[in-house]
Amino acid sequence: MITMMIGIVIGAITILIILTVTGRMNYATELESQLPAVVENILCNVKIKQLYNVADNQEFTADVTEQIAKELDAQTGIVMRIMGADKEKGLFSVGVDRTFVHPNGKTGTVKCSRTVLADKLQIVEIQKYYVQFYKDADNSECYKKYCVTEGDTIGAPAVPEYKDREFAGWQDDKGYEADFSQPVEQNRNYYAVWK
């Protein structure tokens, strides 16, 4: 009887550890894939393509920060640190801390930083595709949307939460289990599968 109880406790602890590590890795991967693309795209639009004029460093910082906040869609808290910005040089450096809640109720944080120099960016026509995730096949509201360069791979986003349902994984338009190891070569939609 004692051996069985010890086995159950060890099993429960092991499951919590696996859930904690997996959740942390998902949040870190999501942030590390989003932040560089967002910062480079915004800086390219402002400095290289010059889609609009920016008067000074404060306006430049405000514009880039606003766009980053829009693009880094998160269900959890995000704190941005502007480490450097220079409109004339086309320099922007930002750090992002994202907080989330572990299965055991404790708060965790993942961090990522990115520095981009517009002089190093080039205007190269690269095919980009959108990968969209939906909480339900019947729901048209997008849960997460990523812009991915052709040939890149993308990891699964953070597990969505749905009242009274348990997440079982992602599937594509055709009902096949999502394979995130394959390179993106077209626009893709994935739908959450619930138990």
N, C-alpha and C. Protein backbone atom coordinates (compact mmCIF):
# COMPACT_ATOMS: atom_id res chain seq x y z
N MET A 1 0.82 -1.19 0.00
CA MET A 1 0.00 0.00 0.00
C MET A 1 0.87 1.26 0.00
N ILE A 2 1.90 1.28 0.83
CA ILE A 2 2.80 2.43 0.89
C ILE A 2 3.54 2.58 -0.43
N THR A 3 3.96 1.47 -1.01
CA THR A 3 4.67 1.51 -2.29
C THR A 3 3.78 2.11 -3.38
N MET A 4 2.51 1.74 -3.37
CA MET A 4 1.57 2.27 -4.35
C MET A 4 1.38 3.77 -4.16
N MET A 5 1.27 4.24 -2.95
CA MET A 5 1.11 5.67 -2.66
C MET A 5 2.35 6.45 -3.11
N ILE A 6 3.52 5.89 -2.82
CA ILE A 6 4.77 6.55 -3.25
C ILE A 6 4.81 6.62 -4.76
N GLY A 7 4.40 5.55 -5.43
CA GLY A 7 4.37 5.53 -6.90
C GLY A 7 3.44 6.58 -7.47
N ILE A 8 2.27 6.74 -6.86
CA ILE A 8 1.30 7.74 -7.31
C ILE A 8 1.86 9.14 -7.12
N VAL A 9 2.47 9.41 -5.98
CA VAL A 9 3.05 10.74 -5.70
C VAL A 9 4.17 11.04 -6.69
N ILE A 10 5.05 10.07 -6.91
CA ILE A 10 6.16 10.27 -7.86
C ILE A 10 5.61 10.50 -9.26
N GLY A 11 4.58 9.75 -9.65
CA GLY A 11 3.96 9.93 -10.96
C GLY A 11 3.37 11.32 -11.13
N ALA A 12 2.66 11.80 -10.10
CA ALA A 12 2.06 13.13 -10.15
C ALA A 12 3.13 14.22 -10.25
N ILE A 13 4.19 14.07 -9.49
CA ILE A 13 5.28 15.05 -9.53
C ILE A 13 5.93 15.05 -10.91
N THR A 14 6.14 13.87 -11.47
CA THR A 14 6.74 13.76 -12.80
C THR A 14 5.88 14.44 -13.85
N ILE A 15 4.57 14.23 -13.79
CA ILE A 15 3.66 14.86 -14.75
C ILE A 15 3.70 16.37 -14.62
N LEU A 16 3.71 16.90 -13.40
CA LEU A 16 3.80 18.36 -13.20
C LEU A 16 5.10 18.92 -13.75
N ILE A 17 6.19 18.21 -13.54
CA ILE A 17 7.49 18.67 -14.06
C ILE A 17 7.46 18.72 -15.58
N ILE A 18 6.92 17.67 -16.20
CA ILE A 18 6.85 17.63 -17.67
C ILE A 18 5.97 18.76 -18.19
N LEU A 19 4.82 18.99 -17.58
CA LEU A 19 3.93 20.08 -18.01
C LEU A 19 4.61 21.44 -17.84
N THR A 20 5.33 21.63 -16.75
CA THR A 20 6.01 22.89 -16.50
C THR A 20 7.09 23.15 -17.54
N VAL A 21 7.93 22.16 -17.80
CA VAL A 21 9.02 22.31 -18.77
C VAL A 21 8.47 22.53 -20.17
N THR A 22 7.46 21.75 -20.55
CA THR A 22 6.87 21.89 -21.88
C THR A 22 6.23 23.26 -22.06
N GLY A 23 5.49 23.72 -21.08
CA GLY A 23 4.86 25.04 -21.16
C GLY A 23 5.88 26.15 -21.29
N ARG A 24 6.94 26.08 -20.49
CA ARG A 24 8.00 27.09 -20.55
C ARG A 24 8.66 27.09 -21.93
N MET A 25 8.93 25.89 -22.47
CA MET A 25 9.56 25.80 -23.79
C MET A 25 8.64 26.37 -24.87
N ASN A 26 7.34 26.12 -24.78
CA ASN A 26 6.40 26.66 -25.76
C ASN A 26 6.39 28.18 -25.75
N TYR A 27 6.31 28.77 -24.55
CA TYR A 27 6.31 30.23 -24.44
C TYR A 27 7.63 30.82 -24.93
N ALA A 28 8.74 30.21 -24.58
CA ALA A 28 10.05 30.71 -25.01
C ALA A 28 10.19 30.62 -26.52
N THR A 29 9.81 29.49 -27.11
CA THR A 29 9.91 29.32 -28.56
C THR A 29 9.03 30.32 -29.29
N GLU A 30 7.83 30.52 -28.79
CA GLU A 30 6.91 31.46 -29.41
C GLU A 30 7.49 32.88 -29.39
N LEU A 31 8.01 33.30 -28.25
CA LEU A 31 8.58 34.64 -28.13
C LEU A 31 9.83 34.79 -28.99
N GLU A 32 10.71 33.78 -28.98
CA GLU A 32 11.94 33.85 -29.75
C GLU A 32 11.70 33.82 -31.26
N SER A 33 10.60 33.27 -31.70
CA SER A 33 10.30 33.28 -33.14
C SER A 33 9.57 34.55 -33.55
N GLN A 34 8.77 35.12 -32.67
CA GLN A 34 8.00 36.32 -33.01
C GLN A 34 8.83 37.59 -32.96
N LEU A 35 9.57 37.79 -31.89
CA LEU A 35 10.24 39.08 -31.66
C LEU A 35 11.18 39.48 -32.79
N PRO A 36 12.12 38.65 -33.24
CA PRO A 36 13.01 39.08 -34.32
C PRO A 36 12.26 39.47 -35.59
N ALA A 37 11.28 38.68 -35.98
CA ALA A 37 10.53 38.98 -37.20
C ALA A 37 9.77 40.30 -37.07
N VAL A 38 9.17 40.53 -35.93
CA VAL A 38 8.40 41.76 -35.71
C VAL A 38 9.32 42.98 -35.76
N VAL A 39 10.42 42.94 -35.04
CA VAL A 39 11.33 44.10 -34.97
C VAL A 39 11.93 44.39 -36.35
N GLU A 40 12.39 43.36 -37.05
CA GLU A 40 12.99 43.56 -38.37
C GLU A 40 11.97 44.10 -39.36
N ASN A 41 10.77 43.57 -39.35
CA ASN A 41 9.73 44.01 -40.27
C ASN A 41 9.36 45.47 -40.03
N ILE A 42 9.19 45.85 -38.78
CA ILE A 42 8.82 47.22 -38.44
C ILE A 42 9.94 48.19 -38.82
N LEU A 43 11.16 47.85 -38.45
CA LEU A 43 12.29 48.73 -38.75
C LEU A 43 12.48 48.87 -40.26
N CYS A 44 12.27 47.79 -40.99
CA CYS A 44 12.38 47.81 -42.45
C CYS A 44 11.33 48.76 -43.03
N ASN A 45 10.10 48.70 -42.52
CA ASN A 45 9.03 49.58 -43.02
C ASN A 45 9.31 51.04 -42.72
N VAL A 46 9.86 51.33 -41.54
CA VAL A 46 10.12 52.71 -41.14
C VAL A 46 11.35 53.28 -41.84
N LYS A 47 12.45 52.54 -41.84
CA LYS A 47 13.73 53.09 -42.27
C LYS A 47 14.04 52.82 -43.74
N ILE A 48 13.81 51.61 -44.22
CA ILE A 48 14.23 51.27 -45.58
C ILE A 48 13.13 51.60 -46.59
N LYS A 49 11.96 51.06 -46.38
CA LYS A 49 10.86 51.31 -47.33
C LYS A 49 10.28 52.70 -47.16
N GLN A 50 10.48 53.30 -46.00
CA GLN A 50 10.00 54.64 -45.66
C GLN A 50 8.52 54.80 -46.02
N LEU A 51 7.71 53.89 -45.48
CA LEU A 51 6.28 53.94 -45.73
C LEU A 51 5.64 55.19 -45.13
N TYR A 52 6.30 55.76 -44.13
CA TYR A 52 5.83 57.01 -43.55
C TYR A 52 7.01 57.71 -42.89
N ASN A 53 6.87 59.01 -42.63
CA ASN A 53 7.96 59.79 -42.04
C ASN A 53 7.87 59.77 -40.52
N VAL A 54 9.03 59.76 -39.89
CA VAL A 54 9.12 59.81 -38.44
C VAL A 54 9.94 61.04 -38.10
N ALA A 55 9.40 61.89 -37.21
CA ALA A 55 10.02 63.18 -36.92
C ALA A 55 11.28 63.08 -36.07
N ASP A 56 11.25 62.31 -34.99
CA ASP A 56 12.40 62.26 -34.08
C ASP A 56 12.48 60.89 -33.41
N ASN A 57 13.49 60.74 -32.53
CA ASN A 57 13.71 59.45 -31.86
C ASN A 57 12.53 59.03 -30.99
N GLN A 58 11.89 60.00 -30.33
CA GLN A 58 10.76 59.66 -29.47
C GLN A 58 9.59 59.11 -30.28
N GLU A 59 9.31 59.74 -31.41
CA GLU A 59 8.24 59.24 -32.27
C GLU A 59 8.61 57.89 -32.87
N PHE A 60 9.87 57.75 -33.25
CA PHE A 60 10.38 56.48 -33.78
C PHE A 60 10.21 55.37 -32.76
N THR A 61 10.64 55.63 -31.52
CA THR A 61 10.51 54.63 -30.45
C THR A 61 9.05 54.31 -30.18
N ALA A 62 8.20 55.33 -30.14
CA ALA A 62 6.77 55.11 -29.89
C ALA A 62 6.14 54.27 -30.99
N ASP A 63 6.47 54.57 -32.25
CA ASP A 63 5.89 53.81 -33.37
C ASP A 63 6.32 52.35 -33.33
N VAL A 64 7.60 52.11 -33.13
CA VAL A 64 8.10 50.74 -33.11
C VAL A 64 7.52 49.99 -31.91
N THR A 65 7.47 50.63 -30.75
CA THR A 65 6.92 50.00 -29.55
C THR A 65 5.44 49.65 -29.74
N GLU A 66 4.69 50.57 -30.33
CA GLU A 66 3.27 50.31 -30.58
C GLU A 66 3.08 49.11 -31.51
N GLN A 67 3.87 49.05 -32.57
CA GLN A 67 3.74 47.94 -33.51
C GLN A 67 4.14 46.61 -32.87
N ILE A 68 5.18 46.63 -32.05
CA ILE A 68 5.60 45.40 -31.36
C ILE A 68 4.49 44.92 -30.43
N ALA A 69 3.89 45.85 -29.70
CA ALA A 69 2.81 45.48 -28.78
C ALA A 69 1.63 44.86 -29.53
N LYS A 70 1.32 45.38 -30.72
CA LYS A 70 0.23 44.82 -31.53
C LYS A 70 0.59 43.43 -32.04
N GLU A 71 1.81 43.27 -32.50
CA GLU A 71 2.22 42.01 -33.13
C GLU A 71 2.44 40.88 -32.12
N LEU A 72 2.94 41.22 -30.94
CA LEU A 72 3.19 40.19 -29.93
C LEU A 72 1.92 39.91 -29.15
N ASP A 73 0.97 39.33 -29.82
CA ASP A 73 -0.31 38.99 -29.21
C ASP A 73 -0.07 37.94 -28.14
N ALA A 74 -0.50 38.21 -26.94
CA ALA A 74 -0.26 37.25 -25.86
C ALA A 74 -1.44 37.23 -24.90
N GLN A 75 -1.67 36.07 -24.33
CA GLN A 75 -2.71 35.93 -23.31
C GLN A 75 -2.14 36.29 -21.95
N THR A 76 -0.85 36.46 -21.89
CA THR A 76 -0.18 36.70 -20.62
C THR A 76 0.51 38.06 -20.65
N GLY A 77 1.12 38.44 -19.53
CA GLY A 77 1.75 39.75 -19.41
C GLY A 77 3.03 39.88 -20.21
N ILE A 78 3.19 41.03 -20.85
CA ILE A 78 4.41 41.32 -21.60
C ILE A 78 4.96 42.65 -21.11
N VAL A 79 6.27 42.67 -20.81
CA VAL A 79 6.96 43.89 -20.43
C VAL A 79 8.07 44.12 -21.44
N MET A 80 8.07 45.32 -22.06
CA MET A 80 9.11 45.65 -23.04
C MET A 80 10.09 46.63 -22.43
N ARG A 81 11.37 46.41 -22.71
CA ARG A 81 12.43 47.33 -22.30
C ARG A 81 13.11 47.85 -23.56
N ILE A 82 13.04 49.15 -23.78
CA ILE A 82 13.72 49.74 -24.92
C ILE A 82 15.15 50.01 -24.47
N MET A 83 16.09 49.29 -25.06
CA MET A 83 17.49 49.41 -24.65
C MET A 83 18.26 50.40 -25.50
N GLY A 84 17.71 50.75 -26.64
CA GLY A 84 18.37 51.72 -27.50
C GLY A 84 17.53 52.00 -28.73
N ALA A 85 17.52 53.27 -29.17
CA ALA A 85 16.79 53.63 -30.38
C ALA A 85 17.45 54.85 -30.99
N ASP A 86 17.75 54.78 -32.27
CA ASP A 86 18.34 55.91 -32.99
C ASP A 86 17.74 55.93 -34.39
N LYS A 87 16.91 56.93 -34.64
CA LYS A 87 16.23 57.04 -35.92
C LYS A 87 17.21 57.21 -37.07
N GLU A 88 18.20 58.05 -36.88
CA GLU A 88 19.15 58.34 -37.97
C GLU A 88 19.97 57.12 -38.37
N LYS A 89 20.40 56.36 -37.40
CA LYS A 89 21.21 55.17 -37.68
C LYS A 89 20.34 53.96 -38.00
N GLY A 90 19.05 54.07 -37.72
CA GLY A 90 18.16 52.94 -37.94
C GLY A 90 18.40 51.82 -36.95
N LEU A 91 18.73 52.20 -35.72
CA LEU A 91 19.04 51.22 -34.67
C LEU A 91 17.85 51.11 -33.72
N PHE A 92 17.51 49.87 -33.40
CA PHE A 92 16.47 49.65 -32.39
C PHE A 92 16.81 48.39 -31.63
N SER A 93 16.82 48.50 -30.31
CA SER A 93 17.13 47.36 -29.45
C SER A 93 16.05 47.26 -28.38
N VAL A 94 15.47 46.07 -28.26
CA VAL A 94 14.36 45.87 -27.33
C VAL A 94 14.52 44.54 -26.62
N GLY A 95 14.09 44.52 -25.37
CA GLY A 95 14.03 43.28 -24.61
C GLY A 95 12.59 43.06 -24.19
N VAL A 96 12.16 41.82 -24.21
CA VAL A 96 10.78 41.51 -23.85
C VAL A 96 10.77 40.42 -22.79
N ASP A 97 10.03 40.66 -21.72
CA ASP A 97 9.80 39.66 -20.68
C ASP A 97 8.33 39.26 -20.77
N ARG A 98 8.08 37.97 -20.85
CA ARG A 98 6.70 37.48 -20.93
C ARG A 98 6.43 36.60 -19.72
N THR A 99 5.40 36.92 -18.96
CA THR A 99 5.06 36.13 -17.78
C THR A 99 3.90 35.20 -18.11
N PHE A 100 3.89 34.07 -17.44
CA PHE A 100 2.84 33.07 -17.62
C PHE A 100 2.69 32.29 -16.34
N VAL A 101 1.65 31.49 -16.25
CA VAL A 101 1.38 30.72 -15.04
C VAL A 101 1.64 29.23 -15.31
N HIS A 102 2.49 28.63 -14.48
CA HIS A 102 2.78 27.20 -14.56
C HIS A 102 1.57 26.41 -14.08
N PRO A 103 1.49 25.11 -14.42
CA PRO A 103 0.37 24.28 -13.95
C PRO A 103 0.25 24.22 -12.42
N ASN A 104 1.37 24.45 -11.72
CA ASN A 104 1.31 24.41 -10.25
C ASN A 104 0.88 25.75 -9.65
N GLY A 105 0.57 26.74 -10.52
CA GLY A 105 0.08 28.03 -10.05
C GLY A 105 1.14 29.09 -9.88
N LYS A 106 2.41 28.72 -9.98
CA LYS A 106 3.49 29.71 -9.84
C LYS A 106 3.69 30.45 -11.16
N THR A 107 4.17 31.68 -11.04
CA THR A 107 4.42 32.51 -12.21
C THR A 107 5.81 32.24 -12.76
N GLY A 108 5.88 32.12 -14.08
CA GLY A 108 7.16 31.93 -14.75
C GLY A 108 7.39 33.08 -15.72
N THR A 109 8.64 33.28 -16.13
CA THR A 109 8.99 34.35 -17.05
C THR A 109 9.96 33.83 -18.10
N VAL A 110 9.73 34.21 -19.35
CA VAL A 110 10.70 33.95 -20.40
C VAL A 110 11.14 35.31 -20.94
N LYS A 111 12.40 35.40 -21.34
CA LYS A 111 12.96 36.67 -21.80
C LYS A 111 13.58 36.50 -23.18
N CYS A 112 13.51 37.57 -23.96
CA CYS A 112 14.13 37.57 -25.27
C CYS A 112 14.52 39.01 -25.58
N SER A 113 15.62 39.20 -26.27
CA SER A 113 16.01 40.55 -26.68
C SER A 113 16.45 40.51 -28.14
N ARG A 114 16.34 41.65 -28.78
CA ARG A 114 16.70 41.73 -30.19
C ARG A 114 17.20 43.14 -30.49
N THR A 115 18.30 43.22 -31.22
CA THR A 115 18.84 44.49 -31.69
C THR A 115 18.91 44.42 -33.20
N VAL A 116 18.39 45.44 -33.87
CA VAL A 116 18.38 45.46 -35.32
C VAL A 116 18.97 46.78 -35.79
N LEU A 117 19.82 46.70 -36.80
CA LEU A 117 20.41 47.86 -37.44
C LEU A 117 19.89 47.89 -38.87
N ALA A 118 19.18 48.95 -39.25
CA ALA A 118 18.52 49.00 -40.56
C ALA A 118 19.52 48.92 -41.70
N ASP A 119 20.75 49.40 -41.52
CA ASP A 119 21.75 49.33 -42.59
C ASP A 119 22.06 47.89 -42.97
N LYS A 120 21.88 46.97 -42.04
CA LYS A 120 22.17 45.56 -42.30
C LYS A 120 20.99 44.85 -42.96
N LEU A 121 19.82 45.51 -42.93
CA LEU A 121 18.65 44.91 -43.56
C LEU A 121 18.66 45.24 -45.05
N GLN A 122 18.17 44.35 -45.84
CA GLN A 122 18.10 44.57 -47.27
C GLN A 122 16.67 44.31 -47.72
N ILE A 123 16.30 44.99 -48.78
CA ILE A 123 14.99 44.72 -49.36
C ILE A 123 15.17 43.57 -50.34
N VAL A 124 14.75 42.42 -49.93
CA VAL A 124 14.84 41.23 -50.75
C VAL A 124 13.44 40.64 -50.80
N GLU A 125 12.99 40.35 -52.00
CA GLU A 125 11.66 39.77 -52.12
C GLU A 125 11.71 38.32 -51.66
N ILE A 126 11.19 38.09 -50.50
CA ILE A 126 11.13 36.75 -49.93
C ILE A 126 9.66 36.41 -49.77
N GLN A 127 9.31 35.22 -50.19
CA GLN A 127 7.93 34.79 -50.06
C GLN A 127 7.60 34.55 -48.59
N LYS A 128 6.54 35.15 -48.14
CA LYS A 128 6.10 34.96 -46.76
C LYS A 128 4.70 34.36 -46.77
N TYR A 129 4.47 33.52 -45.79
CA TYR A 129 3.17 32.86 -45.66
C TYR A 129 2.62 33.08 -44.26
N TYR A 130 1.31 32.99 -44.15
CA TYR A 130 0.66 33.14 -42.86
C TYR A 130 0.28 31.76 -42.32
N VAL A 131 0.63 31.54 -41.08
CA VAL A 131 0.23 30.33 -40.37
C VAL A 131 -0.70 30.79 -39.26
N GLN A 132 -1.95 30.31 -39.32
CA GLN A 132 -2.96 30.75 -38.36
C GLN A 132 -3.45 29.57 -37.53
N PHE A 133 -3.70 29.86 -36.27
CA PHE A 133 -4.18 28.85 -35.34
C PHE A 133 -5.55 29.29 -34.82
N TYR A 134 -6.48 28.35 -34.79
CA TYR A 134 -7.84 28.62 -34.33
C TYR A 134 -8.17 27.69 -33.17
N LYS A 135 -8.92 28.19 -32.21
CA LYS A 135 -9.32 27.37 -31.06
C LYS A 135 -10.33 26.31 -31.46
N ASP A 136 -11.06 26.56 -32.54
CA ASP A 136 -12.12 25.64 -32.94
C ASP A 136 -12.34 25.78 -34.45
N ALA A 137 -12.61 24.68 -35.13
CA ALA A 137 -12.84 24.72 -36.58
C ALA A 137 -14.09 25.51 -36.93
N ASP A 138 -15.04 25.57 -36.02
CA ASP A 138 -16.29 26.28 -36.27
C ASP A 138 -16.20 27.77 -35.93
N ASN A 139 -15.11 28.18 -35.31
CA ASN A 139 -14.95 29.56 -34.87
C ASN A 139 -14.03 30.29 -35.83
N SER A 140 -14.45 31.43 -36.35
CA SER A 140 -13.63 32.17 -37.30
C SER A 140 -12.63 33.10 -36.62
N GLU A 141 -12.67 33.20 -35.30
CA GLU A 141 -11.75 34.07 -34.57
C GLU A 141 -10.38 33.40 -34.45
N CYS A 142 -9.37 34.09 -34.96
CA CYS A 142 -8.00 33.55 -34.97
C CYS A 142 -7.39 33.64 -33.57
N TYR A 143 -6.80 32.53 -33.11
CA TYR A 143 -6.15 32.47 -31.80
C TYR A 143 -4.74 33.05 -31.89
N LYS A 144 -3.95 32.61 -32.86
CA LYS A 144 -2.59 33.12 -33.09
C LYS A 144 -2.35 33.18 -34.59
N LYS A 145 -1.59 34.18 -35.04
CA LYS A 145 -1.27 34.32 -36.45
C LYS A 145 0.20 34.69 -36.57
N TYR A 146 0.92 33.95 -37.41
CA TYR A 146 2.34 34.20 -37.61
C TYR A 146 2.62 34.43 -39.09
N CYS A 147 3.53 35.32 -39.37
CA CYS A 147 4.03 35.51 -40.73
C CYS A 147 5.38 34.81 -40.79
N VAL A 148 5.51 33.82 -41.68
CA VAL A 148 6.69 32.97 -41.72
C VAL A 148 7.32 33.04 -43.11
N THR A 149 8.64 33.12 -43.15
CA THR A 149 9.37 33.11 -44.41
C THR A 149 9.33 31.71 -45.01
N GLU A 150 9.20 31.65 -46.32
CA GLU A 150 9.13 30.36 -47.01
C GLU A 150 10.33 29.48 -46.64
N GLY A 151 10.04 28.25 -46.30
CA GLY A 151 11.09 27.29 -45.95
C GLY A 151 11.39 27.21 -44.47
N ASP A 152 10.92 28.18 -43.69
CA ASP A 152 11.12 28.13 -42.24
C ASP A 152 10.12 27.16 -41.62
N THR A 153 10.43 26.73 -40.42
CA THR A 153 9.48 25.91 -39.66
C THR A 153 8.93 26.76 -38.53
N ILE A 154 7.83 26.33 -37.99
CA ILE A 154 7.22 27.05 -36.88
C ILE A 154 6.82 26.04 -35.82
N GLY A 155 6.98 26.42 -34.58
CA GLY A 155 6.58 25.55 -33.48
C GLY A 155 5.13 25.80 -33.10
N ALA A 156 4.59 24.90 -32.35
CA ALA A 156 3.22 25.07 -31.87
C ALA A 156 3.16 26.24 -30.90
N PRO A 157 2.10 27.03 -30.96
CA PRO A 157 1.97 28.13 -30.00
C PRO A 157 1.62 27.61 -28.61
N ALA A 158 1.57 28.52 -27.68
CA ALA A 158 1.17 28.15 -26.32
C ALA A 158 -0.21 27.49 -26.36
N VAL A 159 -0.41 26.54 -25.51
CA VAL A 159 -1.66 25.77 -25.49
C VAL A 159 -2.83 26.71 -25.14
N PRO A 160 -3.87 26.71 -25.98
CA PRO A 160 -5.02 27.56 -25.69
C PRO A 160 -5.84 27.00 -24.53
N GLU A 161 -6.61 27.86 -23.92
CA GLU A 161 -7.47 27.43 -22.83
C GLU A 161 -8.92 27.54 -23.29
N TYR A 162 -9.68 26.56 -22.95
CA TYR A 162 -11.10 26.53 -23.31
C TYR A 162 -11.86 25.99 -22.11
N LYS A 163 -12.90 26.66 -21.73
CA LYS A 163 -13.65 26.29 -20.53
C LYS A 163 -14.17 24.85 -20.62
N ASP A 164 -13.90 24.06 -19.61
CA ASP A 164 -14.40 22.69 -19.48
C ASP A 164 -13.94 21.75 -20.59
N ARG A 165 -12.83 22.06 -21.27
CA ARG A 165 -12.32 21.18 -22.31
C ARG A 165 -10.81 21.02 -22.13
N GLU A 166 -10.31 19.85 -22.52
CA GLU A 166 -8.89 19.56 -22.39
C GLU A 166 -8.26 19.54 -23.79
N PHE A 167 -7.18 20.29 -23.95
CA PHE A 167 -6.49 20.40 -25.23
C PHE A 167 -5.81 19.07 -25.58
N ALA A 168 -5.98 18.62 -26.85
CA ALA A 168 -5.41 17.34 -27.28
C ALA A 168 -4.37 17.49 -28.38
N GLY A 169 -4.25 18.68 -28.99
CA GLY A 169 -3.26 18.88 -30.04
C GLY A 169 -3.81 19.76 -31.15
N TRP A 170 -3.06 19.84 -32.26
CA TRP A 170 -3.44 20.66 -33.41
C TRP A 170 -3.64 19.76 -34.62
N GLN A 171 -4.56 20.16 -35.51
CA GLN A 171 -4.73 19.45 -36.77
C GLN A 171 -4.86 20.47 -37.90
N ASP A 172 -4.53 20.05 -39.13
CA ASP A 172 -4.60 20.97 -40.27
C ASP A 172 -5.99 20.98 -40.89
N ASP A 173 -6.13 21.69 -42.02
CA ASP A 173 -7.42 21.83 -42.71
C ASP A 173 -8.04 20.49 -43.08
N LYS A 174 -7.18 19.52 -43.36
CA LYS A 174 -7.66 18.22 -43.85
C LYS A 174 -7.89 17.22 -42.72
N GLY A 175 -7.69 17.65 -41.49
CA GLY A 175 -7.94 16.79 -40.34
C GLY A 175 -6.75 15.95 -39.92
N TYR A 176 -5.58 16.18 -40.53
CA TYR A 176 -4.37 15.45 -40.16
C TYR A 176 -3.69 16.13 -38.97
N GLU A 177 -3.01 15.33 -38.16
CA GLU A 177 -2.27 15.87 -37.03
C GLU A 177 -1.19 16.83 -37.54
N ALA A 178 -1.04 17.97 -36.88
CA ALA A 178 -0.07 18.98 -37.30
C ALA A 178 1.35 18.45 -37.18
N ASP A 179 2.15 18.68 -38.23
CA ASP A 179 3.56 18.28 -38.23
C ASP A 179 4.39 19.55 -38.36
N PHE A 180 4.86 20.07 -37.22
CA PHE A 180 5.58 21.34 -37.22
C PHE A 180 7.04 21.20 -37.63
N SER A 181 7.47 20.00 -37.96
CA SER A 181 8.85 19.81 -38.42
C SER A 181 8.98 20.10 -39.91
N GLN A 182 7.86 20.18 -40.62
CA GLN A 182 7.87 20.42 -42.06
C GLN A 182 8.01 21.91 -42.35
N PRO A 183 8.80 22.29 -43.38
CA PRO A 183 8.94 23.71 -43.72
C PRO A 183 7.63 24.27 -44.28
N VAL A 184 7.41 25.55 -44.02
CA VAL A 184 6.20 26.22 -44.48
C VAL A 184 6.40 26.63 -45.94
N GLU A 185 5.51 26.16 -46.82
CA GLU A 185 5.60 26.48 -48.24
C GLU A 185 4.29 27.01 -48.79
N GLN A 186 3.34 27.26 -47.91
CA GLN A 186 2.06 27.83 -48.29
C GLN A 186 1.36 28.34 -47.03
N ASN A 187 0.30 29.14 -47.21
CA ASN A 187 -0.48 29.57 -46.06
C ASN A 187 -1.09 28.34 -45.41
N ARG A 188 -1.12 28.33 -44.08
CA ARG A 188 -1.65 27.17 -43.36
C ARG A 188 -2.59 27.60 -42.25
N ASN A 189 -3.57 26.76 -42.00
CA ASN A 189 -4.49 26.94 -40.88
C ASN A 189 -4.46 25.69 -40.03
N TYR A 190 -4.39 25.87 -38.73
CA TYR A 190 -4.42 24.75 -37.80
C TYR A 190 -5.56 24.98 -36.81
N TYR A 191 -6.18 23.88 -36.41
CA TYR A 191 -7.32 23.94 -35.51
C TYR A 191 -7.05 23.11 -34.27
N ALA A 192 -7.43 23.64 -33.12
CA ALA A 192 -7.24 22.92 -31.86
C ALA A 192 -8.17 21.71 -31.83
N VAL A 193 -7.66 20.63 -31.26
CA VAL A 193 -8.46 19.43 -31.04
C VAL A 193 -8.68 19.33 -29.54
N TRP A 194 -9.92 19.11 -29.16
CA TRP A 194 -10.28 19.08 -27.74
C TRP A 194 -10.82 17.71 -27.35
N LYS A 195 -10.56 17.32 -26.12
CA LYS A 195 -11.09 16.06 -25.59
C LYS A 195 -12.41 16.32 -24.90
